[in-house]
Protein backbone atom coordinates (compact mmCIF):
# COMPACT_ATOMS: atom_id res chain seq x y z
CA MET A 1 116.97 104.32 105.71
CA THR A 2 119.06 102.84 108.24
CA GLY A 3 118.01 102.78 111.83
CA SER A 4 116.70 100.29 114.28
CA ALA A 5 115.15 99.86 117.67
CA ALA A 6 118.50 99.25 119.07
CA ASP A 7 119.67 102.83 117.40
CA ALA A 8 116.69 104.26 119.10
CA ALA A 9 117.64 103.19 122.62
CA ALA A 10 120.98 104.01 122.34
CA GLY A 11 120.03 107.66 122.93
CA PHE A 12 120.87 111.17 121.47
CA GLY A 13 124.34 110.77 122.90
CA THR A 14 125.33 108.70 120.08
CA LEU A 15 124.82 111.55 117.35
CA PRO A 16 127.49 114.01 116.60
CA LEU A 17 125.37 116.91 118.60
CA ALA A 18 126.91 119.67 120.36
CA PRO A 19 127.31 119.14 124.28
CA GLN A 20 124.78 122.21 124.72
CA THR A 21 122.59 120.48 122.42
CA LEU A 22 122.52 117.08 124.31
CA ALA A 23 122.10 118.82 127.89
CA ASN A 24 118.93 120.61 126.51
CA LEU A 25 117.61 117.32 125.12
CA ALA A 26 118.13 115.90 128.49
CA GLN A 27 116.65 118.70 130.62
CA LEU A 28 113.61 118.61 128.28
CA GLY A 29 113.04 115.05 128.99
CA TYR A 30 114.36 113.70 125.82
CA ALA A 31 116.28 110.36 126.64
CA ARG A 32 115.76 108.23 123.71
CA MET A 33 115.28 108.64 120.10
CA THR A 34 112.23 107.54 118.45
CA PRO A 35 112.58 105.21 115.32
CA ILE A 36 111.95 107.75 112.87
CA GLN A 37 114.58 109.93 114.61
CA ALA A 38 116.89 107.01 114.80
CA ALA A 39 116.58 106.28 111.14
CA SER A 40 116.55 109.82 109.84
CA LEU A 41 118.92 111.80 112.48
CA PRO A 42 122.05 110.38 111.03
CA VAL A 43 121.72 110.70 107.59
CA ALA A 44 120.32 114.35 108.10
CA LEU A 45 123.19 115.46 110.46
CA LEU A 46 125.46 114.43 107.43
CA GLY A 47 123.91 117.28 105.70
CA HIS A 48 121.73 114.82 103.37
CA ASP A 49 118.47 115.53 102.03
CA LEU A 50 116.13 112.83 102.84
CA ILE A 51 112.35 112.00 102.84
CA ALA A 52 110.63 110.36 105.81
CA GLN A 53 107.06 109.49 106.73
CA ALA A 54 105.71 108.45 110.24
CA LYS A 55 102.63 109.00 112.20
CA THR A 56 101.63 112.27 113.86
CA GLY A 57 103.80 112.37 117.40
CA SER A 58 106.61 110.00 116.26
CA GLY A 59 109.04 112.79 116.74
CA LYS A 60 109.67 114.05 113.17
CA THR A 61 109.77 117.70 113.87
CA ALA A 62 112.33 117.34 116.28
CA ALA A 63 114.22 114.98 114.24
CA PHE A 64 114.58 117.55 111.27
CA ALA A 65 114.78 120.40 113.69
CA LEU A 66 117.69 118.92 115.36
CA ALA A 67 119.28 118.36 112.37
CA LEU A 68 118.71 121.77 111.03
CA LEU A 69 120.00 123.47 114.17
CA ALA A 70 123.09 121.47 114.48
CA ASN A 71 123.96 122.52 110.70
CA LEU A 72 123.45 126.24 111.16
CA ASN A 73 126.78 128.28 111.13
CA PRO A 74 125.83 131.43 113.56
CA ARG A 75 128.59 133.46 111.83
CA ARG A 76 127.07 133.13 108.54
CA PHE A 77 124.26 136.00 107.98
CA ALA A 78 122.53 134.23 105.13
CA VAL A 79 119.51 131.82 104.39
CA GLN A 80 121.05 128.52 105.58
CA ALA A 81 117.95 126.22 105.61
CA MET A 82 114.33 126.26 104.37
CA VAL A 83 111.71 124.12 105.64
CA LEU A 84 108.69 123.22 103.52
CA SER A 85 105.38 122.09 105.28
CA ILE A 86 102.01 120.66 104.23
CA MET A 87 100.12 123.52 105.94
CA ARG A 88 96.45 121.69 105.86
CA TYR A 89 97.14 119.80 109.18
CA ARG A 90 98.86 122.51 110.86
CA LEU A 91 96.17 125.08 110.01
CA SER A 92 93.70 122.48 111.17
CA ARG A 93 95.29 122.17 114.26
CA SER A 94 95.91 126.34 115.01
CA ARG A 95 93.92 128.98 115.74
CA ILE A 96 93.82 131.40 112.42
CA ILE A 97 93.70 134.92 113.64
CA ARG A 98 92.73 137.58 110.85
CA VAL A 99 94.19 140.95 111.04
CA SER A 100 92.78 143.82 108.95
CA SER A 101 95.39 146.11 107.35
CA THR A 102 93.49 149.13 108.95
CA SER A 103 94.46 147.73 112.44
CA ILE A 104 98.02 147.69 111.90
């Protein structure tokens, strides 16, 4: 992947994101990209598949979510994206609630 600390320091404004998305990122306090975001977002925004690995808390979720949202066509009512996730980590961090079929 390409991407460097200089790319990350450049910020999200260097990416081809909608003005509304950039405004939302600024409002949420996202000023600069993390290294994984700088390396993966340009590739993902072009619609290419990629595999990336980075530590927890490095910004991977924002990277794939921004690319996914940027490439959605709101006028197309069909499946446009699929997210596959390893659930073991997520399940260990979440509370599982069991719902009985008789309570529904």
